[in-house]
Amino acid sequence: MYHICLKTGDHGQDGERFYQDDPEALGRIFVGPYLEFEPGFALALEDSEGVCGYALGCLDSRRFYARYEVEWRPNLCRQFPMPTGSPHDWRRSQMVHSWYHQPDYFCPEPYADFPAHTHIDLHPRAQGRGHGRRMMEQLMDLLKRAGAPGFHLGVSFLNPSARQFYLRLGLKDLIQVGTPPDACIYMGKRLTL
């Protein structure tokens, strides 16, 4: 799953060339803690070549981030020091290492309506075949059955195809954070029993 995170780590495109010095940098944030803390909301997609996608989520974002802060982040900070010098000169892996030290725990409002969050990544060989829709529908069903009234996710402004995918799944824009091209669009969907 860390490898899939890398292969989609450039706003949905292959990020491998940017993280050759630390291929697991992104996975330590966007995969590892979900597998550790919320395995019941972790789905993997496999084909004959191996894992080719995942859909991950958590039931309560604030609780998840509180646990991440205490149980996950300290080890990352010990292993990977905060980069020095100008951020404009940092490699992408150094930028990610800075996120270990300065995490973003943003949750869109109204939180009570969208407390869960999800994300999904598929290797290009698995895209465009309906796998993403089926995985997201299964993950939404798991969250709904666990009592989540709704969920949110963030999508890069530089990944318009992902935003269109989420719109087709019934998600709505909640808020844009930042300014293009570095903006993140938070989207959400209510889940009803």
N, C-alpha and C. Protein backbone atom coordinates (compact mmCIF):
# COMPACT_ATOMS: atom_id res chain seq x y z
N MET A 1 0.82 -1.20 0.00
CA MET A 1 0.00 0.00 0.00
C MET A 1 0.86 1.26 0.00
N TYR A 2 2.00 1.19 0.70
CA TYR A 2 2.91 2.35 0.67
C TYR A 2 3.36 2.63 -0.77
N HIS A 3 3.58 1.57 -1.53
CA HIS A 3 4.03 1.74 -2.91
C HIS A 3 2.93 2.40 -3.76
N ILE A 4 1.67 2.04 -3.54
CA ILE A 4 0.57 2.68 -4.27
C ILE A 4 0.48 4.15 -3.89
N CYS A 5 0.70 4.46 -2.63
CA CYS A 5 0.72 5.86 -2.19
C CYS A 5 1.81 6.63 -2.94
N LEU A 6 2.96 6.02 -3.11
CA LEU A 6 4.06 6.63 -3.85
C LEU A 6 3.69 6.81 -5.32
N LYS A 7 3.09 5.79 -5.92
CA LYS A 7 2.77 5.82 -7.36
C LYS A 7 1.65 6.80 -7.70
N THR A 8 0.94 7.29 -6.68
CA THR A 8 -0.10 8.29 -6.89
C THR A 8 0.23 9.58 -6.13
N GLY A 9 1.47 9.71 -5.69
CA GLY A 9 1.88 10.76 -4.77
C GLY A 9 2.18 12.12 -5.36
N ASP A 10 1.89 12.30 -6.65
CA ASP A 10 2.06 13.62 -7.26
C ASP A 10 0.69 14.09 -7.74
N HIS A 11 -0.16 14.45 -6.78
CA HIS A 11 -1.52 14.90 -7.08
C HIS A 11 -2.28 13.89 -7.94
N GLY A 12 -2.14 12.62 -7.59
CA GLY A 12 -2.80 11.54 -8.32
C GLY A 12 -1.94 10.90 -9.39
N GLN A 13 -0.83 11.52 -9.72
CA GLN A 13 0.08 10.99 -10.73
C GLN A 13 1.26 10.29 -10.04
N ASP A 14 2.09 9.63 -10.82
CA ASP A 14 3.23 8.90 -10.29
C ASP A 14 4.22 9.84 -9.61
N GLY A 15 4.45 9.64 -8.31
CA GLY A 15 5.36 10.49 -7.56
C GLY A 15 6.72 9.86 -7.31
N GLU A 16 6.97 8.69 -7.89
CA GLU A 16 8.19 7.95 -7.57
C GLU A 16 9.45 8.76 -7.81
N ARG A 17 9.51 9.51 -8.90
CA ARG A 17 10.73 10.26 -9.21
C ARG A 17 11.03 11.34 -8.17
N PHE A 18 10.00 11.79 -7.44
CA PHE A 18 10.20 12.86 -6.46
C PHE A 18 10.63 12.34 -5.09
N TYR A 19 10.48 11.05 -4.86
CA TYR A 19 10.73 10.51 -3.52
C TYR A 19 11.76 9.38 -3.55
N GLN A 20 12.71 9.43 -4.46
CA GLN A 20 13.70 8.36 -4.55
C GLN A 20 14.55 8.25 -3.29
N ASP A 21 14.75 9.37 -2.60
CA ASP A 21 15.54 9.34 -1.38
C ASP A 21 14.76 8.80 -0.17
N ASP A 22 13.42 8.78 -0.26
CA ASP A 22 12.59 8.24 0.81
C ASP A 22 11.23 7.82 0.24
N PRO A 23 11.16 6.66 -0.39
CA PRO A 23 9.93 6.23 -1.05
C PRO A 23 8.74 6.02 -0.11
N GLU A 24 8.97 5.86 1.19
CA GLU A 24 7.87 5.62 2.12
C GLU A 24 7.41 6.88 2.84
N ALA A 25 7.96 8.04 2.45
CA ALA A 25 7.64 9.29 3.15
C ALA A 25 6.14 9.54 3.23
N LEU A 26 5.45 9.47 2.11
CA LEU A 26 4.01 9.74 2.09
C LEU A 26 3.21 8.64 2.80
N GLY A 27 3.61 7.41 2.59
CA GLY A 27 2.89 6.29 3.19
C GLY A 27 2.88 6.33 4.71
N ARG A 28 3.90 6.92 5.30
CA ARG A 28 3.95 7.00 6.77
C ARG A 28 2.84 7.89 7.33
N ILE A 29 2.32 8.78 6.51
CA ILE A 29 1.19 9.63 6.93
C ILE A 29 -0.13 9.07 6.42
N PHE A 30 -0.18 8.72 5.15
CA PHE A 30 -1.45 8.47 4.49
C PHE A 30 -1.86 7.01 4.40
N VAL A 31 -0.99 6.10 4.89
CA VAL A 31 -1.34 4.68 4.88
C VAL A 31 -1.12 4.06 6.26
N GLY A 32 0.09 4.11 6.76
CA GLY A 32 0.46 3.41 8.00
C GLY A 32 -0.47 3.60 9.17
N PRO A 33 -0.78 4.84 9.55
CA PRO A 33 -1.62 5.00 10.74
C PRO A 33 -3.04 4.46 10.56
N TYR A 34 -3.54 4.45 9.33
CA TYR A 34 -4.88 3.89 9.10
C TYR A 34 -4.87 2.38 9.29
N LEU A 35 -3.82 1.74 8.80
CA LEU A 35 -3.71 0.29 8.99
C LEU A 35 -3.55 -0.05 10.47
N GLU A 36 -2.83 0.78 11.19
CA GLU A 36 -2.59 0.54 12.61
C GLU A 36 -3.81 0.84 13.48
N PHE A 37 -4.46 1.99 13.24
CA PHE A 37 -5.51 2.46 14.14
C PHE A 37 -6.93 2.08 13.69
N GLU A 38 -7.15 1.93 12.40
CA GLU A 38 -8.51 1.71 11.88
C GLU A 38 -8.53 0.57 10.84
N PRO A 39 -8.01 -0.61 11.19
CA PRO A 39 -7.95 -1.69 10.19
C PRO A 39 -9.32 -2.13 9.69
N GLY A 40 -10.37 -1.88 10.44
CA GLY A 40 -11.71 -2.25 10.00
C GLY A 40 -12.23 -1.40 8.86
N PHE A 41 -11.54 -0.28 8.60
CA PHE A 41 -11.92 0.61 7.50
C PHE A 41 -10.78 0.70 6.48
N ALA A 42 -10.06 -0.40 6.32
CA ALA A 42 -8.94 -0.46 5.36
C ALA A 42 -9.22 -1.56 4.34
N LEU A 43 -9.39 -1.15 3.09
CA LEU A 43 -9.65 -2.09 2.01
C LEU A 43 -8.48 -2.09 1.05
N ALA A 44 -8.09 -3.28 0.59
CA ALA A 44 -7.01 -3.41 -0.38
C ALA A 44 -7.55 -4.04 -1.65
N LEU A 45 -7.01 -3.59 -2.77
CA LEU A 45 -7.35 -4.16 -4.07
C LEU A 45 -6.11 -4.87 -4.61
N GLU A 46 -6.28 -6.12 -5.02
CA GLU A 46 -5.17 -6.90 -5.56
C GLU A 46 -5.51 -7.42 -6.95
N ASP A 47 -4.48 -7.54 -7.75
CA ASP A 47 -4.60 -8.24 -9.03
C ASP A 47 -3.45 -9.23 -9.13
N SER A 48 -3.22 -9.77 -10.31
CA SER A 48 -2.18 -10.79 -10.47
C SER A 48 -0.78 -10.26 -10.18
N GLU A 49 -0.59 -8.94 -10.22
CA GLU A 49 0.72 -8.35 -9.94
C GLU A 49 0.88 -7.93 -8.48
N GLY A 50 -0.18 -8.02 -7.70
CA GLY A 50 -0.11 -7.64 -6.29
C GLY A 50 -1.09 -6.53 -5.95
N VAL A 51 -0.84 -5.87 -4.84
CA VAL A 51 -1.72 -4.78 -4.40
C VAL A 51 -1.68 -3.67 -5.43
N CYS A 52 -2.86 -3.23 -5.85
CA CYS A 52 -2.93 -2.18 -6.86
C CYS A 52 -3.85 -1.04 -6.44
N GLY A 53 -4.30 -1.06 -5.20
CA GLY A 53 -5.12 0.04 -4.72
C GLY A 53 -5.55 -0.16 -3.29
N TYR A 54 -6.07 0.92 -2.71
CA TYR A 54 -6.61 0.85 -1.36
C TYR A 54 -7.64 1.95 -1.17
N ALA A 55 -8.52 1.72 -0.21
CA ALA A 55 -9.44 2.74 0.29
C ALA A 55 -9.33 2.67 1.81
N LEU A 56 -9.03 3.78 2.42
CA LEU A 56 -8.80 3.84 3.86
C LEU A 56 -9.71 4.88 4.50
N GLY A 57 -10.05 4.66 5.74
CA GLY A 57 -10.90 5.63 6.42
C GLY A 57 -10.80 5.51 7.92
N CYS A 58 -11.46 6.45 8.57
CA CYS A 58 -11.58 6.40 10.03
C CYS A 58 -12.96 6.91 10.41
N LEU A 59 -13.46 6.45 11.53
CA LEU A 59 -14.82 6.75 11.97
C LEU A 59 -14.93 8.15 12.55
N ASP A 60 -13.94 8.58 13.31
CA ASP A 60 -13.97 9.87 13.98
C ASP A 60 -12.62 10.54 13.78
N SER A 61 -12.57 11.55 12.95
CA SER A 61 -11.29 12.18 12.58
C SER A 61 -10.57 12.77 13.77
N ARG A 62 -11.28 13.45 14.64
CA ARG A 62 -10.60 14.08 15.79
C ARG A 62 -9.99 13.04 16.71
N ARG A 63 -10.70 11.95 16.93
CA ARG A 63 -10.15 10.88 17.76
C ARG A 63 -8.94 10.24 17.07
N PHE A 64 -9.05 10.04 15.75
CA PHE A 64 -7.94 9.48 14.99
C PHE A 64 -6.72 10.39 15.10
N TYR A 65 -6.88 11.70 14.90
CA TYR A 65 -5.75 12.62 14.95
C TYR A 65 -5.15 12.71 16.35
N ALA A 66 -6.00 12.60 17.38
CA ALA A 66 -5.48 12.61 18.75
C ALA A 66 -4.59 11.39 18.98
N ARG A 67 -4.99 10.26 18.49
CA ARG A 67 -4.18 9.05 18.63
C ARG A 67 -2.91 9.15 17.80
N TYR A 68 -3.03 9.66 16.57
CA TYR A 68 -1.86 9.87 15.71
C TYR A 68 -0.85 10.76 16.41
N GLU A 69 -1.31 11.81 17.05
CA GLU A 69 -0.45 12.77 17.73
C GLU A 69 0.36 12.12 18.84
N VAL A 70 -0.25 11.21 19.57
CA VAL A 70 0.40 10.59 20.72
C VAL A 70 1.17 9.32 20.36
N GLU A 71 0.61 8.50 19.48
CA GLU A 71 1.17 7.18 19.24
C GLU A 71 1.99 7.05 17.95
N TRP A 72 1.79 7.94 16.99
CA TRP A 72 2.44 7.77 15.68
C TRP A 72 3.47 8.86 15.40
N ARG A 73 3.07 10.10 15.59
CA ARG A 73 3.91 11.22 15.19
C ARG A 73 5.23 11.33 15.95
N PRO A 74 5.28 11.08 17.26
CA PRO A 74 6.56 11.22 17.96
C PRO A 74 7.69 10.38 17.36
N ASN A 75 7.38 9.16 16.95
CA ASN A 75 8.39 8.30 16.35
C ASN A 75 8.87 8.86 15.01
N LEU A 76 7.94 9.39 14.21
CA LEU A 76 8.33 10.00 12.94
C LEU A 76 9.28 11.18 13.17
N CYS A 77 8.95 11.99 14.15
CA CYS A 77 9.78 13.17 14.44
C CYS A 77 11.17 12.78 14.93
N ARG A 78 11.24 11.68 15.69
CA ARG A 78 12.55 11.21 16.15
C ARG A 78 13.39 10.71 14.98
N GLN A 79 12.76 9.98 14.07
CA GLN A 79 13.50 9.39 12.95
C GLN A 79 13.86 10.38 11.86
N PHE A 80 13.03 11.41 11.68
CA PHE A 80 13.20 12.34 10.56
C PHE A 80 13.17 13.77 11.09
N PRO A 81 14.33 14.39 11.27
CA PRO A 81 14.37 15.74 11.83
C PRO A 81 13.69 16.75 10.91
N MET A 82 13.25 17.82 11.52
CA MET A 82 12.66 18.92 10.76
C MET A 82 13.71 19.46 9.80
N PRO A 83 13.38 19.57 8.51
CA PRO A 83 14.35 20.12 7.55
C PRO A 83 14.73 21.55 7.91
N THR A 84 15.93 21.91 7.56
CA THR A 84 16.41 23.27 7.81
C THR A 84 16.57 24.01 6.48
N GLY A 85 16.81 25.28 6.56
CA GLY A 85 16.97 26.09 5.36
C GLY A 85 15.61 26.52 4.83
N SER A 86 15.62 27.08 3.66
CA SER A 86 14.40 27.60 3.05
C SER A 86 13.52 26.48 2.51
N PRO A 87 12.23 26.48 2.82
CA PRO A 87 11.33 25.47 2.25
C PRO A 87 11.33 25.45 0.73
N HIS A 88 11.67 26.57 0.10
CA HIS A 88 11.73 26.62 -1.36
C HIS A 88 12.84 25.73 -1.92
N ASP A 89 13.82 25.40 -1.07
CA ASP A 89 14.95 24.58 -1.49
C ASP A 89 14.79 23.10 -1.10
N TRP A 90 13.72 22.77 -0.37
CA TRP A 90 13.54 21.41 0.10
C TRP A 90 13.14 20.48 -1.05
N ARG A 91 13.64 19.24 -0.96
CA ARG A 91 13.14 18.18 -1.83
C ARG A 91 11.72 17.82 -1.34
N ARG A 92 10.98 17.11 -2.17
CA ARG A 92 9.60 16.76 -1.77
C ARG A 92 9.59 15.90 -0.51
N SER A 93 10.55 15.00 -0.39
CA SER A 93 10.58 14.18 0.83
C SER A 93 10.81 15.04 2.06
N GLN A 94 11.62 16.08 1.93
CA GLN A 94 11.83 16.98 3.07
C GLN A 94 10.56 17.74 3.42
N MET A 95 9.79 18.10 2.40
CA MET A 95 8.51 18.75 2.66
C MET A 95 7.60 17.83 3.46
N VAL A 96 7.55 16.56 3.06
CA VAL A 96 6.73 15.60 3.79
C VAL A 96 7.27 15.42 5.21
N HIS A 97 8.57 15.37 5.36
CA HIS A 97 9.15 15.26 6.71
C HIS A 97 8.73 16.46 7.56
N SER A 98 8.61 17.63 6.96
CA SER A 98 8.16 18.80 7.73
C SER A 98 6.72 18.60 8.20
N TRP A 99 5.91 17.87 7.42
CA TRP A 99 4.53 17.59 7.84
C TRP A 99 4.50 16.68 9.06
N TYR A 100 5.53 15.84 9.23
CA TYR A 100 5.61 15.03 10.45
C TYR A 100 5.67 15.94 11.67
N HIS A 101 6.40 17.04 11.54
CA HIS A 101 6.59 17.97 12.66
C HIS A 101 5.48 19.00 12.77
N GLN A 102 4.84 19.32 11.66
CA GLN A 102 3.78 20.33 11.64
C GLN A 102 2.57 19.75 10.91
N PRO A 103 1.88 18.82 11.57
CA PRO A 103 0.77 18.14 10.90
C PRO A 103 -0.43 19.06 10.67
N ASP A 104 -1.22 18.70 9.70
CA ASP A 104 -2.45 19.43 9.38
C ASP A 104 -3.62 18.54 9.79
N TYR A 105 -4.35 18.95 10.81
CA TYR A 105 -5.48 18.18 11.31
C TYR A 105 -6.81 18.85 10.96
N PHE A 106 -6.85 19.51 9.84
CA PHE A 106 -8.05 20.25 9.46
C PHE A 106 -9.23 19.32 9.25
N CYS A 107 -10.37 19.70 9.79
CA CYS A 107 -11.63 19.00 9.58
C CYS A 107 -12.68 20.04 9.20
N PRO A 108 -13.38 19.85 8.09
CA PRO A 108 -14.38 20.83 7.69
C PRO A 108 -15.61 20.81 8.60
N GLU A 109 -16.27 21.92 8.67
CA GLU A 109 -17.50 22.05 9.44
C GLU A 109 -18.69 21.88 8.51
N PRO A 110 -19.84 21.50 9.03
CA PRO A 110 -20.08 21.15 10.43
C PRO A 110 -19.53 19.76 10.74
N TYR A 111 -18.65 19.71 11.72
CA TYR A 111 -17.95 18.47 12.04
C TYR A 111 -18.92 17.34 12.39
N ALA A 112 -19.98 17.67 13.12
CA ALA A 112 -20.93 16.65 13.55
C ALA A 112 -21.57 15.93 12.36
N ASP A 113 -21.64 16.60 11.21
CA ASP A 113 -22.24 15.98 10.03
C ASP A 113 -21.24 15.14 9.23
N PHE A 114 -19.95 15.45 9.35
CA PHE A 114 -18.92 14.79 8.53
C PHE A 114 -17.70 14.38 9.37
N PRO A 115 -17.89 13.63 10.47
CA PRO A 115 -16.75 13.34 11.35
C PRO A 115 -15.78 12.30 10.80
N ALA A 116 -16.25 11.39 9.98
CA ALA A 116 -15.37 10.36 9.41
C ALA A 116 -14.59 10.96 8.25
N HIS A 117 -13.49 10.32 7.87
CA HIS A 117 -12.82 10.73 6.64
C HIS A 117 -12.25 9.51 5.93
N THR A 118 -12.03 9.68 4.62
CA THR A 118 -11.57 8.59 3.78
C THR A 118 -10.55 9.10 2.78
N HIS A 119 -9.84 8.19 2.19
CA HIS A 119 -9.09 8.48 0.97
C HIS A 119 -8.83 7.18 0.22
N ILE A 120 -8.61 7.33 -1.07
CA ILE A 120 -8.46 6.17 -1.94
C ILE A 120 -7.37 6.47 -2.96
N ASP A 121 -6.59 5.47 -3.27
CA ASP A 121 -5.58 5.57 -4.32
C ASP A 121 -5.56 4.26 -5.10
N LEU A 122 -5.52 4.38 -6.42
CA LEU A 122 -5.43 3.21 -7.29
C LEU A 122 -4.26 3.38 -8.23
N HIS A 123 -3.50 2.31 -8.38
CA HIS A 123 -2.43 2.29 -9.38
C HIS A 123 -3.07 2.51 -10.76
N PRO A 124 -2.37 3.19 -11.67
CA PRO A 124 -2.96 3.42 -13.00
C PRO A 124 -3.50 2.17 -13.68
N ARG A 125 -2.88 1.00 -13.45
CA ARG A 125 -3.35 -0.22 -14.12
C ARG A 125 -4.74 -0.64 -13.61
N ALA A 126 -5.16 -0.11 -12.46
CA ALA A 126 -6.46 -0.47 -11.88
C ALA A 126 -7.52 0.62 -12.08
N GLN A 127 -7.13 1.73 -12.66
CA GLN A 127 -8.06 2.84 -12.82
C GLN A 127 -8.97 2.65 -14.02
N GLY A 128 -10.14 3.30 -13.95
CA GLY A 128 -11.07 3.29 -15.08
C GLY A 128 -11.81 1.99 -15.30
N ARG A 129 -11.85 1.16 -14.27
CA ARG A 129 -12.50 -0.15 -14.41
C ARG A 129 -13.60 -0.38 -13.38
N GLY A 130 -13.96 0.68 -12.66
CA GLY A 130 -15.03 0.58 -11.67
C GLY A 130 -14.58 0.14 -10.29
N HIS A 131 -13.28 -0.17 -10.14
CA HIS A 131 -12.79 -0.63 -8.84
C HIS A 131 -12.91 0.46 -7.78
N GLY A 132 -12.56 1.69 -8.14
CA GLY A 132 -12.61 2.79 -7.19
C GLY A 132 -14.01 3.03 -6.67
N ARG A 133 -14.98 3.04 -7.56
CA ARG A 133 -16.39 3.22 -7.14
C ARG A 133 -16.81 2.10 -6.19
N ARG A 134 -16.51 0.86 -6.54
CA ARG A 134 -16.91 -0.27 -5.68
C ARG A 134 -16.22 -0.19 -4.32
N MET A 135 -14.95 0.18 -4.30
CA MET A 135 -14.25 0.27 -3.02
C MET A 135 -14.82 1.40 -2.16
N MET A 136 -15.08 2.55 -2.78
CA MET A 136 -15.65 3.66 -2.01
C MET A 136 -17.05 3.32 -1.52
N GLU A 137 -17.85 2.67 -2.33
CA GLU A 137 -19.18 2.27 -1.88
C GLU A 137 -19.11 1.30 -0.72
N GLN A 138 -18.16 0.37 -0.77
CA GLN A 138 -17.99 -0.58 0.33
C GLN A 138 -17.52 0.15 1.59
N LEU A 139 -16.58 1.07 1.44
CA LEU A 139 -16.09 1.82 2.60
C LEU A 139 -17.18 2.70 3.18
N MET A 140 -17.98 3.36 2.33
CA MET A 140 -19.09 4.17 2.83
C MET A 140 -20.08 3.31 3.60
N ASP A 141 -20.34 2.10 3.11
CA ASP A 141 -21.25 1.19 3.80
C ASP A 141 -20.70 0.79 5.17
N LEU A 142 -19.40 0.51 5.23
CA LEU A 142 -18.78 0.17 6.52
C LEU A 142 -18.90 1.32 7.51
N LEU A 143 -18.64 2.54 7.05
CA LEU A 143 -18.75 3.71 7.93
C LEU A 143 -20.19 3.93 8.38
N LYS A 144 -21.12 3.80 7.46
CA LYS A 144 -22.53 3.98 7.79
C LYS A 144 -22.97 2.96 8.83
N ARG A 145 -22.59 1.70 8.64
CA ARG A 145 -22.98 0.65 9.58
C ARG A 145 -22.35 0.87 10.96
N ALA A 146 -21.20 1.53 10.99
CA ALA A 146 -20.53 1.81 12.27
C ALA A 146 -21.11 3.05 12.94
N GLY A 147 -22.03 3.75 12.26
CA GLY A 147 -22.70 4.89 12.88
C GLY A 147 -22.25 6.26 12.44
N ALA A 148 -21.39 6.34 11.43
CA ALA A 148 -20.94 7.66 10.95
C ALA A 148 -22.09 8.35 10.24
N PRO A 149 -22.42 9.60 10.64
CA PRO A 149 -23.46 10.33 9.94
C PRO A 149 -23.01 10.85 8.58
N GLY A 150 -21.71 10.94 8.39
CA GLY A 150 -21.16 11.42 7.13
C GLY A 150 -19.64 11.39 7.18
N PHE A 151 -19.03 11.67 6.04
CA PHE A 151 -17.56 11.66 5.98
C PHE A 151 -17.10 12.78 5.07
N HIS A 152 -15.82 13.09 5.19
CA HIS A 152 -15.19 14.09 4.33
C HIS A 152 -13.88 13.53 3.78
N LEU A 153 -13.35 14.23 2.81
CA LEU A 153 -12.03 13.92 2.28
C LEU A 153 -11.48 15.18 1.64
N GLY A 154 -10.19 15.20 1.41
CA GLY A 154 -9.55 16.33 0.76
C GLY A 154 -9.03 15.91 -0.61
N VAL A 155 -9.18 16.80 -1.57
CA VAL A 155 -8.67 16.53 -2.92
C VAL A 155 -7.88 17.73 -3.40
N SER A 156 -6.74 17.46 -3.99
CA SER A 156 -5.88 18.52 -4.48
C SER A 156 -6.54 19.27 -5.62
N PHE A 157 -6.37 20.57 -5.62
CA PHE A 157 -6.84 21.41 -6.72
C PHE A 157 -6.23 20.94 -8.04
N LEU A 158 -5.03 20.34 -7.97
CA LEU A 158 -4.33 19.88 -9.17
C LEU A 158 -4.76 18.49 -9.62
N ASN A 159 -5.82 17.96 -9.02
CA ASN A 159 -6.32 16.64 -9.39
C ASN A 159 -7.81 16.71 -9.72
N PRO A 160 -8.16 17.41 -10.81
CA PRO A 160 -9.58 17.58 -11.14
C PRO A 160 -10.30 16.28 -11.47
N SER A 161 -9.60 15.28 -11.97
CA SER A 161 -10.28 14.01 -12.28
C SER A 161 -10.74 13.33 -11.00
N ALA A 162 -9.96 13.44 -9.92
CA ALA A 162 -10.38 12.87 -8.64
C ALA A 162 -11.63 13.59 -8.13
N ARG A 163 -11.64 14.91 -8.26
CA ARG A 163 -12.82 15.68 -7.82
C ARG A 163 -14.05 15.25 -8.59
N GLN A 164 -13.92 15.05 -9.89
CA GLN A 164 -15.07 14.59 -10.69
C GLN A 164 -15.53 13.20 -10.25
N PHE A 165 -14.60 12.34 -9.92
CA PHE A 165 -14.92 11.01 -9.42
C PHE A 165 -15.76 11.12 -8.15
N TYR A 166 -15.34 11.98 -7.22
CA TYR A 166 -16.07 12.14 -5.96
C TYR A 166 -17.44 12.77 -6.19
N LEU A 167 -17.54 13.72 -7.10
CA LEU A 167 -18.84 14.30 -7.42
C LEU A 167 -19.80 13.23 -7.94
N ARG A 168 -19.30 12.33 -8.77
CA ARG A 168 -20.14 11.24 -9.28
C ARG A 168 -20.59 10.29 -8.17
N LEU A 169 -19.82 10.22 -7.09
CA LEU A 169 -20.19 9.39 -5.94
C LEU A 169 -21.16 10.11 -5.00
N GLY A 170 -21.49 11.35 -5.32
CA GLY A 170 -22.45 12.09 -4.51
C GLY A 170 -21.86 13.02 -3.47
N LEU A 171 -20.54 13.19 -3.48
CA LEU A 171 -19.94 14.14 -2.54
C LEU A 171 -20.17 15.56 -3.04
N LYS A 172 -20.20 16.50 -2.10
CA LYS A 172 -20.37 17.92 -2.40
C LYS A 172 -19.17 18.69 -1.85
N ASP A 173 -18.85 19.79 -2.51
CA ASP A 173 -17.79 20.66 -2.01
C ASP A 173 -18.22 21.27 -0.68
N LEU A 174 -17.32 21.25 0.30
CA LEU A 174 -17.59 21.87 1.60
C LEU A 174 -16.81 23.18 1.76
N ILE A 175 -15.51 23.14 1.46
CA ILE A 175 -14.68 24.33 1.62
C ILE A 175 -13.37 24.14 0.86
N GLN A 176 -12.83 25.23 0.37
CA GLN A 176 -11.50 25.21 -0.24
C GLN A 176 -10.55 25.87 0.73
N VAL A 177 -9.42 25.22 0.98
CA VAL A 177 -8.40 25.75 1.87
C VAL A 177 -7.16 26.04 1.04
N GLY A 178 -6.63 27.24 1.16
CA GLY A 178 -5.46 27.64 0.39
C GLY A 178 -5.87 28.23 -0.94
N THR A 179 -4.87 28.65 -1.68
CA THR A 179 -5.11 29.24 -2.98
C THR A 179 -4.48 28.39 -4.07
N PRO A 180 -5.15 28.31 -5.22
CA PRO A 180 -4.59 27.53 -6.33
C PRO A 180 -3.21 28.05 -6.71
N PRO A 181 -2.30 27.20 -7.09
CA PRO A 181 -2.49 25.76 -7.33
C PRO A 181 -2.31 24.88 -6.11
N ASP A 182 -2.02 25.48 -4.94
CA ASP A 182 -1.76 24.69 -3.74
C ASP A 182 -3.01 24.43 -2.92
N ALA A 183 -4.18 24.71 -3.46
CA ALA A 183 -5.41 24.58 -2.70
C ALA A 183 -5.81 23.12 -2.51
N CYS A 184 -6.53 22.88 -1.42
CA CYS A 184 -7.15 21.59 -1.15
C CYS A 184 -8.65 21.84 -1.06
N ILE A 185 -9.41 21.03 -1.77
CA ILE A 185 -10.87 21.13 -1.73
C ILE A 185 -11.37 20.01 -0.84
N TYR A 186 -12.05 20.39 0.24
CA TYR A 186 -12.65 19.39 1.12
C TYR A 186 -14.07 19.14 0.64
N MET A 187 -14.39 17.86 0.50
CA MET A 187 -15.69 17.43 0.02
C MET A 187 -16.30 16.52 1.08
N GLY A 188 -17.62 16.40 1.09
CA GLY A 188 -18.27 15.57 2.07
C GLY A 188 -19.54 14.94 1.55
N LYS A 189 -19.97 13.92 2.26
CA LYS A 189 -21.21 13.25 1.94
C LYS A 189 -21.85 12.76 3.21
N ARG A 190 -23.16 12.98 3.32
CA ARG A 190 -23.90 12.45 4.46
C ARG A 190 -24.26 11.01 4.19
N LEU A 191 -24.23 10.21 5.24
CA LEU A 191 -24.56 8.80 5.15
C LEU A 191 -25.82 8.58 5.99
N THR A 192 -26.82 7.98 5.42
CA THR A 192 -28.05 7.74 6.15
C THR A 192 -28.32 6.25 6.23
N LEU A 193 -28.82 5.83 7.39
CA LEU A 193 -29.13 4.42 7.58
C LEU A 193 -30.46 4.09 6.91
